[in-house]
Amino acid sequence: QVQLVESGGGCVQAGGSLRLSCAASGSIFSIGVMGWYRQAPGKERELVASITSDGTTNAADSVKGRFTISRDNAKNTVYLQMNSLKSEDIAIYYCKAHVLRSSWSRYLEVWGQGTLVTVSS
């Protein structure tokens, strides 16, 4: 079984910063793409940023220049550094990972439980 545990959410003033972490644990052979998604109240879940195992990143236009995704493959952990936070960034943030449990298995899509980010004006 594989679990993703997020941490680092909370409340911050507009213009402030937060760093989210997401650690994968369990029966893991390797991890492919890891990503952060968010879901604001009344809205659909959307991709914030993703990163491949070799470090290639992708980010939504709304967060480019403010958010940075990174990962530590040795720790099976992905990070999201969020700077210049705005009220429109308020959401539950989820991490997702594509996990191989063995060399002969298919990638398993695993989601974390989510962490709330609130921005006060």
N, C-alpha and C. Protein backbone atom coordinates (compact mmCIF):
# COMPACT_ATOMS: atom_id res chain seq x y z
N GLN A 1 0.84 -1.18 0.00
CA GLN A 1 0.00 0.00 0.00
C GLN A 1 0.88 1.25 0.00
N VAL A 2 0.44 2.29 -0.70
CA VAL A 2 1.20 3.52 -0.79
C VAL A 2 0.36 4.68 -0.24
N GLN A 3 1.01 5.52 0.55
CA GLN A 3 0.33 6.70 1.10
C GLN A 3 1.09 7.97 0.76
N LEU A 4 0.34 9.05 0.56
CA LEU A 4 0.92 10.38 0.41
C LEU A 4 0.42 11.22 1.56
N VAL A 5 1.34 11.85 2.26
CA VAL A 5 0.97 12.68 3.40
C VAL A 5 1.47 14.09 3.15
N GLU A 6 0.50 15.02 3.10
CA GLU A 6 0.85 16.42 2.86
C GLU A 6 1.01 17.16 4.19
N SER A 7 1.79 18.21 4.16
CA SER A 7 1.94 19.08 5.33
C SER A 7 2.32 20.47 4.85
N GLY A 8 2.19 21.44 5.75
CA GLY A 8 2.64 22.79 5.44
C GLY A 8 1.54 23.78 5.14
N GLY A 9 0.30 23.33 5.07
CA GLY A 9 -0.78 24.26 4.83
C GLY A 9 -1.03 25.14 6.04
N GLY A 10 -1.87 26.14 5.85
CA GLY A 10 -2.19 27.03 6.96
C GLY A 10 -2.72 28.34 6.45
N CYS A 11 -2.70 29.32 7.32
CA CYS A 11 -3.22 30.64 6.99
C CYS A 11 -2.05 31.63 6.93
N VAL A 12 -2.04 32.46 5.90
CA VAL A 12 -0.98 33.43 5.72
C VAL A 12 -1.59 34.71 5.17
N GLN A 13 -0.97 35.82 5.44
CA GLN A 13 -1.45 37.09 4.90
C GLN A 13 -1.14 37.20 3.41
N ALA A 14 -1.93 37.96 2.72
CA ALA A 14 -1.68 38.20 1.31
C ALA A 14 -0.26 38.73 1.11
N GLY A 15 0.41 38.17 0.11
CA GLY A 15 1.79 38.54 -0.14
C GLY A 15 2.79 37.63 0.57
N GLY A 16 2.29 36.80 1.47
CA GLY A 16 3.16 35.92 2.23
C GLY A 16 3.50 34.64 1.50
N SER A 17 4.19 33.74 2.20
CA SER A 17 4.68 32.50 1.60
C SER A 17 4.33 31.30 2.46
N LEU A 18 4.19 30.18 1.80
CA LEU A 18 4.03 28.89 2.45
C LEU A 18 4.78 27.85 1.64
N ARG A 19 5.22 26.80 2.31
CA ARG A 19 5.86 25.68 1.62
C ARG A 19 5.13 24.40 1.97
N LEU A 20 4.58 23.76 0.97
CA LEU A 20 3.89 22.50 1.15
C LEU A 20 4.86 21.35 0.89
N SER A 21 4.67 20.28 1.64
CA SER A 21 5.46 19.06 1.44
C SER A 21 4.51 17.89 1.28
N CYS A 22 4.93 16.91 0.52
CA CYS A 22 4.14 15.70 0.34
C CYS A 22 5.10 14.52 0.28
N ALA A 23 5.01 13.64 1.27
CA ALA A 23 5.91 12.50 1.35
C ALA A 23 5.17 11.21 1.02
N ALA A 24 5.76 10.43 0.15
CA ALA A 24 5.20 9.13 -0.20
C ALA A 24 5.86 8.05 0.64
N SER A 25 5.05 7.10 1.08
CA SER A 25 5.58 5.98 1.87
C SER A 25 4.83 4.72 1.51
N GLY A 26 5.45 3.59 1.86
CA GLY A 26 4.82 2.30 1.58
C GLY A 26 5.65 1.49 0.62
N SER A 27 4.96 0.64 -0.11
CA SER A 27 5.62 -0.26 -1.05
C SER A 27 5.88 0.48 -2.36
N ILE A 28 7.07 1.06 -2.49
CA ILE A 28 7.41 1.90 -3.63
C ILE A 28 8.67 1.38 -4.32
N PHE A 29 8.55 1.12 -5.62
CA PHE A 29 9.72 0.77 -6.42
C PHE A 29 10.31 2.04 -7.03
N SER A 30 9.45 2.85 -7.61
CA SER A 30 9.87 4.16 -8.13
C SER A 30 8.64 5.04 -8.29
N ILE A 31 8.89 6.34 -8.42
CA ILE A 31 7.81 7.30 -8.60
C ILE A 31 8.05 8.09 -9.87
N GLY A 32 7.01 8.19 -10.67
CA GLY A 32 7.10 8.97 -11.91
C GLY A 32 6.73 10.42 -11.63
N VAL A 33 5.76 10.90 -12.37
CA VAL A 33 5.34 12.28 -12.22
C VAL A 33 4.69 12.51 -10.85
N MET A 34 5.05 13.63 -10.23
CA MET A 34 4.40 14.06 -8.99
C MET A 34 3.82 15.44 -9.26
N GLY A 35 2.71 15.73 -8.62
CA GLY A 35 2.08 17.02 -8.90
C GLY A 35 1.27 17.54 -7.74
N TRP A 36 0.99 18.83 -7.82
CA TRP A 36 0.11 19.49 -6.87
C TRP A 36 -1.13 19.97 -7.60
N TYR A 37 -2.27 19.73 -7.01
CA TYR A 37 -3.55 20.18 -7.52
C TYR A 37 -4.22 20.99 -6.42
N ARG A 38 -5.21 21.77 -6.79
CA ARG A 38 -5.97 22.50 -5.78
C ARG A 38 -7.44 22.56 -6.18
N GLN A 39 -8.25 22.66 -5.14
CA GLN A 39 -9.68 22.79 -5.35
C GLN A 39 -10.22 23.90 -4.46
N ALA A 40 -10.67 24.96 -5.08
CA ALA A 40 -11.26 26.09 -4.36
C ALA A 40 -12.74 25.82 -4.16
N PRO A 41 -13.35 26.47 -3.18
CA PRO A 41 -14.79 26.27 -2.93
C PRO A 41 -15.62 26.53 -4.18
N GLY A 42 -16.45 25.57 -4.52
CA GLY A 42 -17.34 25.74 -5.67
C GLY A 42 -16.68 25.56 -7.01
N LYS A 43 -15.42 25.17 -7.02
CA LYS A 43 -14.70 25.02 -8.29
C LYS A 43 -14.17 23.60 -8.46
N GLU A 44 -13.81 23.27 -9.69
CA GLU A 44 -13.25 21.97 -9.95
C GLU A 44 -11.78 21.93 -9.55
N ARG A 45 -11.30 20.73 -9.30
CA ARG A 45 -9.88 20.56 -8.98
C ARG A 45 -9.06 20.89 -10.22
N GLU A 46 -7.96 21.60 -10.01
CA GLU A 46 -7.13 22.01 -11.13
C GLU A 46 -5.65 21.73 -10.83
N LEU A 47 -4.90 21.51 -11.90
CA LEU A 47 -3.47 21.30 -11.76
C LEU A 47 -2.78 22.61 -11.42
N VAL A 48 -1.93 22.57 -10.41
CA VAL A 48 -1.12 23.72 -10.05
C VAL A 48 0.27 23.59 -10.69
N ALA A 49 0.92 22.47 -10.45
CA ALA A 49 2.25 22.25 -10.99
C ALA A 49 2.58 20.77 -10.93
N SER A 50 3.45 20.35 -11.83
CA SER A 50 3.88 18.95 -11.83
C SER A 50 5.37 18.89 -12.11
N ILE A 51 5.96 17.74 -11.76
CA ILE A 51 7.39 17.55 -11.96
C ILE A 51 7.66 16.08 -12.25
N THR A 52 8.47 15.84 -13.27
CA THR A 52 8.83 14.47 -13.62
C THR A 52 9.99 14.00 -12.74
N SER A 53 10.31 12.72 -12.87
CA SER A 53 11.38 12.16 -12.04
C SER A 53 12.75 12.77 -12.38
N ASP A 54 12.90 13.29 -13.58
CA ASP A 54 14.17 13.91 -13.94
C ASP A 54 14.15 15.43 -13.77
N GLY A 55 13.07 15.95 -13.16
CA GLY A 55 13.05 17.36 -12.78
C GLY A 55 12.39 18.31 -13.76
N THR A 56 11.80 17.81 -14.81
CA THR A 56 11.08 18.69 -15.74
C THR A 56 9.78 19.15 -15.09
N THR A 57 9.56 20.46 -15.10
CA THR A 57 8.40 21.00 -14.41
C THR A 57 7.40 21.63 -15.37
N ASN A 58 6.19 21.74 -14.86
CA ASN A 58 5.10 22.38 -15.58
C ASN A 58 4.24 23.08 -14.55
N ALA A 59 3.76 24.28 -14.87
CA ALA A 59 2.95 25.02 -13.90
C ALA A 59 1.81 25.74 -14.61
N ALA A 60 0.73 25.92 -13.87
CA ALA A 60 -0.40 26.67 -14.40
C ALA A 60 0.00 28.13 -14.58
N ASP A 61 -0.57 28.77 -15.57
CA ASP A 61 -0.24 30.17 -15.83
C ASP A 61 -0.51 31.05 -14.62
N SER A 62 -1.54 30.71 -13.86
CA SER A 62 -1.94 31.53 -12.72
C SER A 62 -0.91 31.55 -11.59
N VAL A 63 0.02 30.60 -11.60
CA VAL A 63 1.00 30.53 -10.51
C VAL A 63 2.44 30.69 -11.00
N LYS A 64 2.63 30.78 -12.30
CA LYS A 64 3.99 30.93 -12.82
C LYS A 64 4.63 32.20 -12.28
N GLY A 65 5.87 32.07 -11.86
CA GLY A 65 6.58 33.20 -11.28
C GLY A 65 6.35 33.36 -9.79
N ARG A 66 5.38 32.65 -9.24
CA ARG A 66 5.09 32.74 -7.80
C ARG A 66 5.29 31.41 -7.08
N PHE A 67 4.92 30.32 -7.72
CA PHE A 67 5.02 28.99 -7.11
C PHE A 67 6.16 28.20 -7.79
N THR A 68 6.85 27.41 -6.99
CA THR A 68 7.91 26.56 -7.52
C THR A 68 7.74 25.15 -6.98
N ILE A 69 7.72 24.19 -7.90
CA ILE A 69 7.64 22.79 -7.49
C ILE A 69 9.03 22.18 -7.56
N SER A 70 9.32 21.31 -6.60
CA SER A 70 10.60 20.60 -6.58
C SER A 70 10.38 19.24 -5.93
N ARG A 71 11.36 18.38 -6.03
CA ARG A 71 11.23 17.05 -5.41
C ARG A 71 12.58 16.56 -4.96
N ASP A 72 12.52 15.67 -3.98
CA ASP A 72 13.70 14.98 -3.49
C ASP A 72 13.44 13.50 -3.71
N ASN A 73 14.04 12.95 -4.75
CA ASN A 73 13.75 11.55 -5.09
C ASN A 73 14.22 10.58 -4.00
N ALA A 74 15.28 10.93 -3.30
CA ALA A 74 15.77 10.05 -2.24
C ALA A 74 14.79 9.96 -1.08
N LYS A 75 14.01 11.02 -0.90
CA LYS A 75 13.03 11.05 0.19
C LYS A 75 11.60 10.80 -0.30
N ASN A 76 11.44 10.56 -1.61
CA ASN A 76 10.09 10.36 -2.18
C ASN A 76 9.16 11.51 -1.80
N THR A 77 9.68 12.70 -1.89
CA THR A 77 8.94 13.88 -1.42
C THR A 77 8.90 14.95 -2.50
N VAL A 78 7.74 15.58 -2.60
CA VAL A 78 7.57 16.71 -3.52
C VAL A 78 7.20 17.94 -2.70
N TYR A 79 7.68 19.09 -3.14
CA TYR A 79 7.45 20.34 -2.43
C TYR A 79 6.77 21.35 -3.34
N LEU A 80 6.07 22.28 -2.73
CA LEU A 80 5.52 23.41 -3.47
C LEU A 80 5.80 24.67 -2.67
N GLN A 81 6.72 25.47 -3.16
CA GLN A 81 7.02 26.76 -2.54
C GLN A 81 6.08 27.79 -3.14
N MET A 82 5.28 28.40 -2.29
CA MET A 82 4.29 29.36 -2.74
C MET A 82 4.63 30.74 -2.19
N ASN A 83 4.92 31.66 -3.08
CA ASN A 83 5.24 33.02 -2.70
C ASN A 83 4.19 33.98 -3.25
N SER A 84 4.17 35.17 -2.71
CA SER A 84 3.23 36.21 -3.17
C SER A 84 1.80 35.69 -3.23
N LEU A 85 1.39 35.05 -2.15
CA LEU A 85 0.06 34.43 -2.12
C LEU A 85 -1.05 35.46 -2.22
N LYS A 86 -2.10 35.08 -2.93
CA LYS A 86 -3.25 35.95 -3.15
C LYS A 86 -4.51 35.24 -2.64
N SER A 87 -5.57 36.00 -2.54
CA SER A 87 -6.83 35.42 -2.07
C SER A 87 -7.33 34.34 -3.04
N GLU A 88 -7.01 34.50 -4.31
CA GLU A 88 -7.46 33.49 -5.28
C GLU A 88 -6.69 32.18 -5.17
N ASP A 89 -5.68 32.13 -4.32
CA ASP A 89 -4.95 30.89 -4.08
C ASP A 89 -5.59 30.05 -2.97
N ILE A 90 -6.62 30.59 -2.33
CA ILE A 90 -7.29 29.86 -1.26
C ILE A 90 -7.91 28.57 -1.84
N ALA A 91 -7.54 27.45 -1.24
CA ALA A 91 -8.02 26.16 -1.74
C ALA A 91 -7.49 25.05 -0.86
N ILE A 92 -8.03 23.87 -1.09
CA ILE A 92 -7.40 22.67 -0.54
C ILE A 92 -6.40 22.19 -1.58
N TYR A 93 -5.17 21.96 -1.16
CA TYR A 93 -4.12 21.54 -2.06
C TYR A 93 -3.87 20.04 -1.87
N TYR A 94 -3.86 19.33 -2.98
CA TYR A 94 -3.66 17.89 -2.98
C TYR A 94 -2.39 17.55 -3.76
N CYS A 95 -1.66 16.57 -3.29
CA CYS A 95 -0.57 16.08 -4.12
C CYS A 95 -0.98 14.74 -4.73
N LYS A 96 -0.38 14.47 -5.86
CA LYS A 96 -0.64 13.23 -6.57
C LYS A 96 0.68 12.69 -7.07
N ALA A 97 0.79 11.37 -7.05
CA ALA A 97 2.01 10.73 -7.54
C ALA A 97 1.65 9.49 -8.35
N HIS A 98 2.44 9.25 -9.38
CA HIS A 98 2.33 8.01 -10.14
C HIS A 98 3.41 7.08 -9.62
N VAL A 99 2.97 6.00 -9.00
CA VAL A 99 3.88 5.13 -8.26
C VAL A 99 3.96 3.76 -8.89
N LEU A 100 5.19 3.27 -9.02
CA LEU A 100 5.41 1.88 -9.41
C LEU A 100 5.70 1.08 -8.14
N ARG A 101 4.95 0.03 -7.91
CA ARG A 101 5.18 -0.77 -6.70
C ARG A 101 6.19 -1.89 -6.96
N SER A 102 6.43 -2.18 -8.23
CA SER A 102 7.46 -3.15 -8.60
C SER A 102 7.86 -2.87 -10.04
N SER A 103 8.93 -3.51 -10.48
CA SER A 103 9.42 -3.26 -11.83
C SER A 103 8.48 -3.77 -12.90
N TRP A 104 7.58 -4.71 -12.53
CA TRP A 104 6.67 -5.27 -13.51
C TRP A 104 5.23 -4.77 -13.38
N SER A 105 5.01 -3.85 -12.45
CA SER A 105 3.64 -3.36 -12.24
C SER A 105 3.37 -2.13 -13.10
N ARG A 106 2.12 -1.73 -13.15
CA ARG A 106 1.74 -0.50 -13.83
C ARG A 106 1.80 0.65 -12.83
N TYR A 107 1.87 1.85 -13.37
CA TYR A 107 1.86 3.01 -12.49
C TYR A 107 0.51 3.09 -11.78
N LEU A 108 0.57 3.34 -10.49
CA LEU A 108 -0.61 3.51 -9.66
C LEU A 108 -0.74 4.99 -9.34
N GLU A 109 -1.94 5.56 -9.57
CA GLU A 109 -2.17 6.96 -9.26
C GLU A 109 -2.62 7.08 -7.81
N VAL A 110 -1.85 7.82 -7.03
CA VAL A 110 -2.13 7.95 -5.59
C VAL A 110 -2.33 9.42 -5.25
N TRP A 111 -3.35 9.70 -4.45
CA TRP A 111 -3.64 11.06 -4.00
C TRP A 111 -3.41 11.19 -2.49
N GLY A 112 -2.99 12.38 -2.11
CA GLY A 112 -2.92 12.70 -0.69
C GLY A 112 -4.29 13.14 -0.19
N GLN A 113 -4.36 13.40 1.11
CA GLN A 113 -5.64 13.73 1.74
C GLN A 113 -5.98 15.22 1.61
N GLY A 114 -5.02 16.03 1.24
CA GLY A 114 -5.27 17.45 1.06
C GLY A 114 -4.85 18.27 2.26
N THR A 115 -4.44 19.49 2.00
CA THR A 115 -4.09 20.43 3.06
C THR A 115 -4.64 21.80 2.68
N LEU A 116 -5.23 22.48 3.64
CA LEU A 116 -5.92 23.74 3.38
C LEU A 116 -4.96 24.92 3.42
N VAL A 117 -5.05 25.75 2.41
CA VAL A 117 -4.29 27.00 2.36
C VAL A 117 -5.29 28.15 2.36
N THR A 118 -5.14 29.03 3.32
CA THR A 118 -6.01 30.20 3.44
C THR A 118 -5.16 31.46 3.39
N VAL A 119 -5.63 32.46 2.68
CA VAL A 119 -4.90 33.72 2.55
C VAL A 119 -5.81 34.84 3.06
N SER A 120 -5.32 35.59 4.01
CA SER A 120 -6.10 36.68 4.57
C SER A 120 -5.63 38.02 4.00
N SER A 121 -6.57 38.91 3.83
CA SER A 121 -6.22 40.22 3.25
C SER A 121 -5.96 41.25 4.34
